Amino acid sequence: MNLFDALMLTSSIAFIPGIIIAIVNSTLWKKPKRLKDQVPNSVSVLVPCRNESKNIAACVKTILMQGEVVKEILIYDDESTDTTSSEIDKLISNHPAAIKRIPTQNKPKGWTGKNHACAQLASSAKGDWLLFIDADTRLQKDAITTLLGTAKRKDVSFISAWPKITMTGYIEKLLMPLLNNVVFTMFPAPLADIKSDKALGLAHGACIMVKSEVYFAVGGHTRVRTLLFEDTMLARTWRRSGYKSTCIDGSKLISVRMYETFNDIVTGFTKNYYPAFRHQRSFWGFQIWNLSWTLIPLACLVGLQYGFASIWILLALFLSITPRLVLAVRFSHTIWSVFLHPITNLVMLYIGTISYLKWGHRGGVEWKGRSYSKQETDHND
């Protein structure tokens, strides 16, 4: 082993924690058993919408097939600027007994649009459980009964289902797996069911079900009213308040196509990237650690080009893509995207830097046609 081999192999030690966590998540984070037992009129399904004219009908169609467990479907139009409102009217005219529209109110200062919409929906709901889903979410058969049964079995009052992320175009297949890679090389999901640490709270905003009485006891979306990164922070607020939360592998229960274009991906990730970290030092620590997933494999490839071929260089290369490979198998990502990870990871670093600049130095971000400043989104109860 020469000096270059030793340097690359030693540097690859940075990959070990991510590899271990990815393997733990892929082997010990079990998919929930599908449950069909109906508990009639248990769940209020709450759908906040802003500019979702292309999605809302398909979303509601999958809710309607869930059976008698659904007590009501409440929809809130968050001041959409497209034809979402008329699409909601059509749905209500076709299903007047099942669907109700909650009157739109102007978004108050100090609230994000989605959090205000969710709070309005919750205040009108009558179910024992509240299921918040995004309009681009699609539920599989028995998804709600499975969520409800799993929550009761785990004795939790907050359950989120991490969805199957639908990826259609090449850009989506190339970049969207980065979300699962970042989350599931850092977050040991099975540990969250064992320990009550608030840092182990995790949620995906596409699907969150909560027990109604606990939601209001905790303070609900009022507690995260200023946040765009509200889903996971709501789970952590739950834990901080002394209640249990869980996030399950919902890839067999729900699906969501989060973003369709490169610009959509950059905009969507930018709003959450920097706010996901509590301190600048943790953000930059992550950026440096993340950079190693690009620099080390590229250095190995350069070394191979200049005649430094050895089993140790190949081992370092293999270690650099192992988490992506493990998670690609678990989440059915395209295998070819795994081998491009050192390159696509540069996009993630770019997005992180843009997020930092927008939140830290340029006043905030644009999301869903609204501007949110750093000052407006910095503080919560």
Protein backbone atom coordinates (compact mmCIF):
# COMPACT_ATOMS: atom_id res chain seq x y z
CA MET A 1 0.00 0.00 0.00
CA ASN A 2 1.49 3.34 -1.08
CA LEU A 3 0.85 6.77 0.40
CA PHE A 4 -1.96 7.59 -2.06
CA ASP A 5 -3.72 4.30 -1.27
CA ALA A 6 -3.43 4.97 2.45
CA LEU A 7 -4.73 8.52 2.07
CA MET A 8 -7.80 7.48 0.05
CA LEU A 9 -8.62 4.54 2.29
CA THR A 10 -8.20 6.59 5.46
CA SER A 11 -10.38 9.37 4.04
CA SER A 12 -13.05 6.78 3.26
CA ILE A 13 -13.56 6.28 6.99
CA ALA A 14 -15.92 9.28 6.68
CA PHE A 15 -18.27 7.01 4.73
CA ILE A 16 -18.60 4.36 7.44
CA PRO A 17 -21.36 6.00 9.56
CA GLY A 18 -23.49 6.63 6.47
CA ILE A 19 -22.99 3.06 5.30
CA ILE A 20 -24.01 1.63 8.68
CA ILE A 21 -27.12 3.82 8.95
CA ALA A 22 -28.16 3.01 5.36
CA ILE A 23 -27.83 -0.73 6.05
CA VAL A 24 -29.75 -0.42 9.34
CA ASN A 25 -32.58 1.42 7.60
CA SER A 26 -32.67 -1.02 4.70
CA THR A 27 -32.75 -4.14 6.87
CA LEU A 28 -34.45 -3.18 10.15
CA TRP A 29 -36.95 -0.52 9.03
CA LYS A 30 -39.78 -2.87 8.21
CA LYS A 31 -42.64 -2.06 5.87
CA PRO A 32 -45.94 -2.15 7.79
CA LYS A 33 -48.25 -5.08 7.35
CA ARG A 34 -51.27 -4.06 5.29
CA LEU A 35 -54.35 -3.89 7.51
CA LYS A 36 -57.93 -4.02 6.24
CA ASP A 37 -60.00 -3.83 9.43
CA GLN A 38 -62.23 -0.76 9.16
CA VAL A 39 -63.00 1.46 12.14
CA PRO A 40 -65.93 3.44 10.72
CA ASN A 41 -65.80 7.24 10.63
CA SER A 42 -62.47 7.47 12.43
CA VAL A 43 -60.42 9.72 10.16
CA SER A 44 -60.88 13.22 8.79
CA VAL A 45 -58.78 13.57 5.64
CA LEU A 46 -57.50 17.13 5.29
CA VAL A 47 -56.12 18.42 1.98
CA PRO A 48 -54.52 21.88 1.79
CA CYS A 49 -54.25 23.13 -1.81
CA ARG A 50 -52.43 25.95 -3.50
CA ASN A 51 -52.25 25.88 -7.28
CA GLU A 52 -53.01 22.16 -7.45
CA SER A 53 -55.51 22.08 -10.33
CA LYS A 54 -53.57 19.24 -11.98
CA ASN A 55 -53.48 17.09 -8.85
CA ILE A 56 -56.51 17.53 -6.64
CA ALA A 57 -58.96 15.32 -8.56
CA ALA A 58 -56.55 12.37 -8.73
CA CYS A 59 -55.73 12.77 -5.04
CA VAL A 60 -59.39 12.78 -3.98
CA LYS A 61 -60.09 9.74 -6.16
CA THR A 62 -57.62 7.71 -4.09
CA ILE A 63 -59.14 8.99 -0.84
CA LEU A 64 -62.64 7.96 -1.90
CA MET A 65 -61.53 4.34 -2.36
CA GLN A 66 -60.37 4.05 1.27
CA GLY A 67 -63.73 2.88 2.60
CA GLU A 68 -65.80 3.72 5.64
CA VAL A 69 -62.79 4.52 7.83
CA VAL A 70 -62.96 8.02 6.29
CA LYS A 71 -65.39 10.24 8.17
CA GLU A 72 -65.02 13.28 5.92
CA ILE A 73 -62.81 14.86 3.28
CA LEU A 74 -62.08 18.52 3.92
CA ILE A 75 -60.33 20.66 1.30
CA TYR A 76 -58.89 24.15 1.76
CA ASP A 77 -58.00 26.34 -1.21
CA ASP A 78 -55.04 28.42 -0.05
CA GLU A 79 -55.67 31.45 -2.28
CA SER A 80 -54.77 29.59 -5.48
CA THR A 81 -54.07 31.60 -8.61
CA ASP A 82 -54.91 28.78 -11.04
CA THR A 83 -58.16 26.81 -11.50
CA THR A 84 -57.87 24.83 -8.26
CA SER A 85 -61.02 26.45 -6.87
CA SER A 86 -63.20 25.35 -9.79
CA GLU A 87 -61.72 21.84 -9.62
CA ILE A 88 -62.74 21.64 -5.97
CA ASP A 89 -66.25 22.78 -6.87
CA LYS A 90 -66.51 19.99 -9.46
CA LEU A 91 -65.44 17.40 -6.90
CA ILE A 92 -68.01 18.62 -4.39
CA SER A 93 -70.79 18.56 -6.99
CA ASN A 94 -69.91 14.95 -7.82
CA HIS A 95 -69.51 13.85 -4.17
CA PRO A 96 -71.56 16.27 -2.04
CA ALA A 97 -71.92 13.90 0.91
CA ALA A 98 -68.22 13.06 1.13
CA ILE A 99 -66.38 16.32 0.45
CA LYS A 100 -66.58 19.68 2.16
CA ARG A 101 -64.77 22.87 1.29
CA ILE A 102 -63.44 24.99 4.16
CA PRO A 103 -63.84 28.71 3.40
CA THR A 104 -60.63 30.45 2.39
CA GLN A 105 -59.25 33.16 4.65
CA ASN A 106 -56.44 35.60 4.00
CA LYS A 107 -53.14 34.22 5.26
CA PRO A 108 -52.21 36.08 8.46
CA LYS A 109 -48.80 37.64 8.84
CA GLY A 110 -46.41 35.29 10.61
CA TRP A 111 -47.80 32.12 9.04
CA THR A 112 -46.72 30.09 6.03
CA GLY A 113 -49.52 29.25 3.65
CA LYS A 114 -49.58 25.49 4.22
CA ASN A 115 -49.45 25.74 8.00
CA HIS A 116 -52.34 28.22 8.03
CA ALA A 117 -54.34 25.98 5.68
CA CYS A 118 -53.71 22.92 7.87
CA ALA A 119 -54.74 24.82 11.00
CA GLN A 120 -58.00 25.92 9.36
CA LEU A 121 -58.73 22.37 8.24
CA ALA A 122 -58.01 20.89 11.67
CA SER A 123 -60.30 23.38 13.42
CA SER A 124 -63.22 22.21 11.25
CA ALA A 125 -62.52 18.46 11.43
CA LYS A 126 -64.68 16.06 13.42
CA GLY A 127 -62.69 12.82 13.24
CA ASP A 128 -60.80 11.23 16.11
CA TRP A 129 -57.76 11.18 13.81
CA LEU A 130 -56.63 13.85 11.37
CA LEU A 131 -54.83 12.84 8.18
CA PHE A 132 -53.02 15.71 6.46
CA ILE A 133 -52.06 14.89 2.88
CA ASP A 134 -50.74 17.00 0.04
CA ALA A 135 -52.71 17.24 -3.19
CA ASP A 136 -49.93 15.45 -5.09
CA THR A 137 -50.20 12.44 -2.77
CA ARG A 138 -51.76 9.21 -4.04
CA LEU A 139 -53.06 6.64 -1.55
CA GLN A 140 -53.00 2.91 -2.25
CA LYS A 141 -55.88 0.66 -1.23
CA ASP A 142 -56.18 0.25 2.56
CA ALA A 143 -53.54 2.93 3.15
CA ILE A 144 -55.56 4.75 5.81
CA THR A 145 -56.60 1.61 7.71
CA THR A 146 -52.96 0.50 7.68
CA LEU A 147 -51.80 3.86 9.01
CA LEU A 148 -54.45 3.83 11.73
CA GLY A 149 -53.77 0.24 12.73
CA THR A 150 -50.02 0.79 12.79
CA ALA A 151 -50.39 3.91 14.95
CA LYS A 152 -52.48 1.97 17.45
CA ARG A 153 -50.12 -1.00 17.44
CA LYS A 154 -47.13 1.27 18.07
CA ASP A 155 -49.14 3.30 20.60
CA VAL A 156 -48.31 6.62 18.96
CA SER A 157 -50.44 9.70 18.38
CA PHE A 158 -48.37 10.92 15.41
CA ILE A 159 -47.55 8.77 12.39
CA SER A 160 -46.04 9.83 9.10
CA ALA A 161 -45.57 7.61 6.06
CA TRP A 162 -42.43 8.19 4.03
CA PRO A 163 -43.77 7.88 0.49
CA LYS A 164 -42.63 6.22 -2.65
CA ILE A 165 -41.23 9.13 -4.62
CA THR A 166 -42.50 8.84 -8.17
CA MET A 167 -39.75 9.69 -10.66
CA THR A 168 -40.65 9.87 -14.34
CA GLY A 169 -38.08 11.97 -16.21
CA TYR A 170 -34.32 11.49 -16.33
CA ILE A 171 -33.69 14.57 -14.18
CA GLU A 172 -36.00 13.21 -11.47
CA LYS A 173 -34.37 9.77 -11.59
CA LEU A 174 -30.96 11.39 -11.37
CA LEU A 175 -31.57 13.91 -8.59
CA MET A 176 -34.59 12.92 -6.50
CA PRO A 177 -32.81 9.87 -4.95
CA LEU A 178 -30.55 12.40 -3.25
CA LEU A 179 -33.40 13.12 -0.80
CA ASN A 180 -33.61 9.54 0.42
CA ASN A 181 -29.82 9.32 0.42
CA VAL A 182 -29.36 12.37 2.65
CA VAL A 183 -32.14 11.39 5.07
CA PHE A 184 -31.40 7.68 5.37
CA THR A 185 -27.62 7.92 5.68
CA MET A 186 -28.11 10.26 8.65
CA PHE A 187 -31.38 9.25 10.30
CA PRO A 188 -31.65 5.77 11.88
CA ALA A 189 -35.40 5.28 11.47
CA PRO A 190 -35.73 2.07 13.57
CA LEU A 191 -34.12 3.84 16.54
CA ALA A 192 -36.96 6.38 16.62
CA ASP A 193 -39.36 3.67 17.81
CA ILE A 194 -37.08 2.82 20.72
CA LYS A 195 -35.94 6.24 21.96
CA SER A 196 -38.01 9.35 22.66
CA ASP A 197 -35.25 11.84 21.82
CA LYS A 198 -36.79 14.82 20.00
CA ALA A 199 -33.97 14.75 17.43
CA LEU A 200 -35.37 11.41 16.24
CA GLY A 201 -38.61 13.02 15.11
CA LEU A 202 -39.06 12.61 11.36
CA ALA A 203 -41.99 13.21 9.03
CA HIS A 204 -42.79 13.68 5.36
CA GLY A 205 -45.36 16.39 4.74
CA ALA A 206 -47.09 14.33 2.05
CA CYS A 207 -48.73 12.18 4.73
CA ILE A 208 -49.08 12.91 8.45
CA MET A 209 -51.78 11.38 10.66
CA VAL A 210 -52.33 12.59 14.21
CA LYS A 211 -54.74 11.94 17.04
CA SER A 212 -57.04 14.95 17.15
CA GLU A 213 -57.06 15.52 20.92
CA VAL A 214 -53.26 15.37 21.10
CA TYR A 215 -52.91 17.68 18.09
CA PHE A 216 -54.81 20.42 19.88
CA ALA A 217 -53.11 19.71 23.21
CA VAL A 218 -49.69 20.15 21.58
CA GLY A 219 -50.75 23.28 19.73
CA GLY A 220 -50.84 21.79 16.24
CA HIS A 221 -49.60 23.82 13.31
CA THR A 222 -49.60 26.95 15.45
CA ARG A 223 -46.36 25.63 16.96
CA VAL A 224 -44.65 25.54 13.56
CA ARG A 225 -46.61 28.34 11.93
CA THR A 226 -43.61 30.21 10.52
CA LEU A 227 -41.72 27.20 9.17
CA LEU A 228 -41.48 25.93 5.61
CA PHE A 229 -39.70 22.84 7.00
CA GLU A 230 -42.76 22.14 9.12
CA ASP A 231 -43.23 18.38 8.82
CA THR A 232 -40.20 17.09 10.70
CA MET A 233 -40.33 20.04 13.09
CA LEU A 234 -43.92 19.11 13.95
CA ALA A 235 -42.76 15.58 14.79
CA ARG A 236 -40.03 17.00 17.01
CA THR A 237 -42.50 19.37 18.67
CA TRP A 238 -44.66 16.31 19.39
CA ARG A 239 -41.78 14.56 21.10
CA ARG A 240 -40.74 17.69 22.97
CA SER A 241 -44.27 17.84 24.37
CA GLY A 242 -43.97 14.31 25.74
CA TYR A 243 -45.90 12.38 23.08
CA LYS A 244 -44.78 9.57 20.78
CA SER A 245 -44.24 9.89 17.04
CA THR A 246 -43.13 7.49 14.35
CA CYS A 247 -42.26 7.60 10.67
CA ILE A 248 -42.89 4.39 8.75
CA ASP A 249 -41.79 3.18 5.35
CA GLY A 250 -44.93 4.04 3.42
CA SER A 251 -43.63 3.16 -0.03
CA LYS A 252 -46.33 0.49 -0.41
CA LEU A 253 -49.06 2.80 0.92
CA ILE A 254 -48.60 6.18 -0.70
CA SER A 255 -46.73 7.80 -3.56
CA VAL A 256 -45.94 11.38 -4.47
CA ARG A 257 -44.34 13.08 -7.42
CA MET A 258 -42.66 15.92 -5.58
CA TYR A 259 -40.96 17.83 -8.39
CA GLU A 260 -40.98 17.44 -12.17
CA THR A 261 -38.23 19.72 -13.53
CA PHE A 262 -34.69 20.71 -12.58
CA ASN A 263 -35.89 24.16 -11.51
CA ASP A 264 -38.66 22.60 -9.40
CA ILE A 265 -36.12 20.37 -7.66
CA VAL A 266 -33.72 23.23 -6.95
CA THR A 267 -36.52 25.51 -5.68
CA GLY A 268 -38.09 22.80 -3.53
CA PHE A 269 -34.86 21.64 -1.93
CA THR A 270 -33.62 25.22 -1.46
CA LYS A 271 -36.52 26.15 0.83
CA ASN A 272 -35.76 23.27 3.22
CA TYR A 273 -32.01 22.66 2.98
CA TYR A 274 -30.54 25.35 5.23
CA PRO A 275 -33.56 25.54 7.61
CA ALA A 276 -33.12 21.82 8.32
CA PHE A 277 -30.05 22.72 10.41
CA ARG A 278 -30.32 24.55 13.71
CA HIS A 279 -26.88 26.18 13.51
CA GLN A 280 -24.51 27.35 10.79
CA ARG A 281 -21.76 25.11 12.12
CA SER A 282 -23.91 21.98 11.70
CA PHE A 283 -24.86 23.12 8.19
CA TRP A 284 -21.24 23.65 7.14
CA GLY A 285 -20.17 20.46 8.88
CA PHE A 286 -22.69 18.60 6.76
CA GLN A 287 -21.57 20.38 3.60
CA ILE A 288 -17.94 19.39 4.22
CA TRP A 289 -18.91 15.80 5.02
CA ASN A 290 -21.12 15.72 1.93
CA LEU A 291 -18.27 17.08 -0.19
CA SER A 292 -16.19 14.02 0.71
CA TRP A 293 -18.70 11.84 -1.17
CA THR A 294 -17.63 13.67 -4.32
CA LEU A 295 -13.95 14.49 -3.79
CA ILE A 296 -12.74 11.09 -2.60
CA PRO A 297 -14.20 9.02 -5.48
CA LEU A 298 -13.04 11.63 -8.00
CA ALA A 299 -9.55 11.54 -6.49
CA CYS A 300 -9.60 7.75 -6.74
CA LEU A 301 -10.58 7.94 -10.41
CA VAL A 302 -7.78 10.42 -11.08
CA GLY A 303 -5.39 8.11 -9.27
CA LEU A 304 -6.46 5.18 -11.44
CA GLN A 305 -5.92 7.34 -14.53
CA TYR A 306 -2.34 8.06 -13.45
CA GLY A 307 -1.43 4.49 -12.66
CA PHE A 308 -2.26 4.23 -8.96
CA ALA A 309 -4.47 1.19 -9.52
CA SER A 310 -4.79 -1.05 -6.46
CA ILE A 311 -7.32 -3.04 -4.50
CA TRP A 312 -7.36 -0.25 -1.90
CA ILE A 313 -8.37 2.39 -4.44
CA LEU A 314 -11.15 0.14 -5.72
CA LEU A 315 -12.28 -0.46 -2.13
CA ALA A 316 -12.44 3.28 -1.47
CA LEU A 317 -14.48 3.75 -4.66
CA PHE A 318 -16.86 0.98 -3.65
CA LEU A 319 -17.33 2.43 -0.16
CA SER A 320 -18.20 5.82 -1.68
CA ILE A 321 -21.24 4.44 -3.52
CA THR A 322 -22.27 1.71 -1.05
CA PRO A 323 -24.98 3.74 0.74
CA ARG A 324 -26.51 4.84 -2.56
CA LEU A 325 -26.44 1.25 -3.79
CA VAL A 326 -28.06 -0.07 -0.60
CA LEU A 327 -30.78 2.60 -0.68
CA ALA A 328 -31.33 2.16 -4.43
CA VAL A 329 -32.24 -1.46 -3.79
CA ARG A 330 -34.50 -0.53 -0.86
CA PHE A 331 -36.32 2.32 -2.61
CA SER A 332 -36.18 1.05 -6.21
CA HIS A 333 -33.99 3.86 -7.51
CA THR A 334 -32.38 3.47 -10.92
CA ILE A 335 -29.03 1.73 -10.59
CA TRP A 336 -27.36 3.94 -13.19
CA SER A 337 -27.95 6.99 -10.97
CA VAL A 338 -25.87 5.33 -8.24
CA PHE A 339 -22.72 5.43 -10.34
CA LEU A 340 -23.25 9.11 -11.13
CA HIS A 341 -23.57 10.00 -7.45
CA PRO A 342 -20.21 11.81 -7.14
CA ILE A 343 -21.38 14.16 -9.91
CA THR A 344 -25.01 14.59 -8.85
CA ASN A 345 -23.86 15.19 -5.30
CA LEU A 346 -22.30 18.41 -6.58
CA VAL A 347 -25.84 19.54 -7.40
CA MET A 348 -26.83 18.90 -3.78
CA LEU A 349 -23.86 20.96 -2.58
CA TYR A 350 -24.86 23.72 -4.99
CA ILE A 351 -28.45 23.68 -3.70
CA GLY A 352 -27.20 23.81 -0.12
CA THR A 353 -25.04 26.83 -0.88
CA ILE A 354 -27.91 28.60 -2.66
CA SER A 355 -30.19 27.83 0.29
CA TYR A 356 -27.64 29.30 2.71
CA LEU A 357 -27.22 32.44 0.61
CA LYS A 358 -30.96 32.97 0.18
CA TRP A 359 -31.80 32.41 3.83
CA GLY A 360 -28.68 33.99 5.30
CA HIS A 361 -27.91 36.90 3.02
CA ARG A 362 -30.64 37.48 0.44
CA GLY A 363 -33.68 37.78 2.63
CA GLY A 364 -35.46 34.46 2.06
CA VAL A 365 -37.08 32.32 -0.63
CA GLU A 366 -40.00 32.20 -3.03
CA TRP A 367 -42.41 29.30 -2.64
CA LYS A 368 -45.77 28.70 -4.30
CA GLY A 369 -45.86 32.29 -5.50
CA ARG A 370 -45.20 33.78 -2.05
CA SER A 371 -42.10 35.36 -0.55
CA TYR A 372 -40.86 34.23 2.86
CA SER A 373 -38.12 36.18 4.61
CA LYS A 374 -35.61 34.82 7.10
CA GLN A 375 -37.06 37.09 9.78
CA GLU A 376 -40.57 35.72 9.21
CA THR A 377 -39.50 32.09 9.44
CA ASP A 378 -36.90 32.16 12.21
CA HIS A 379 -39.03 31.89 15.34
CA ASN A 380 -41.55 29.40 16.72
CA ASP A 381 -43.00 28.57 20.11
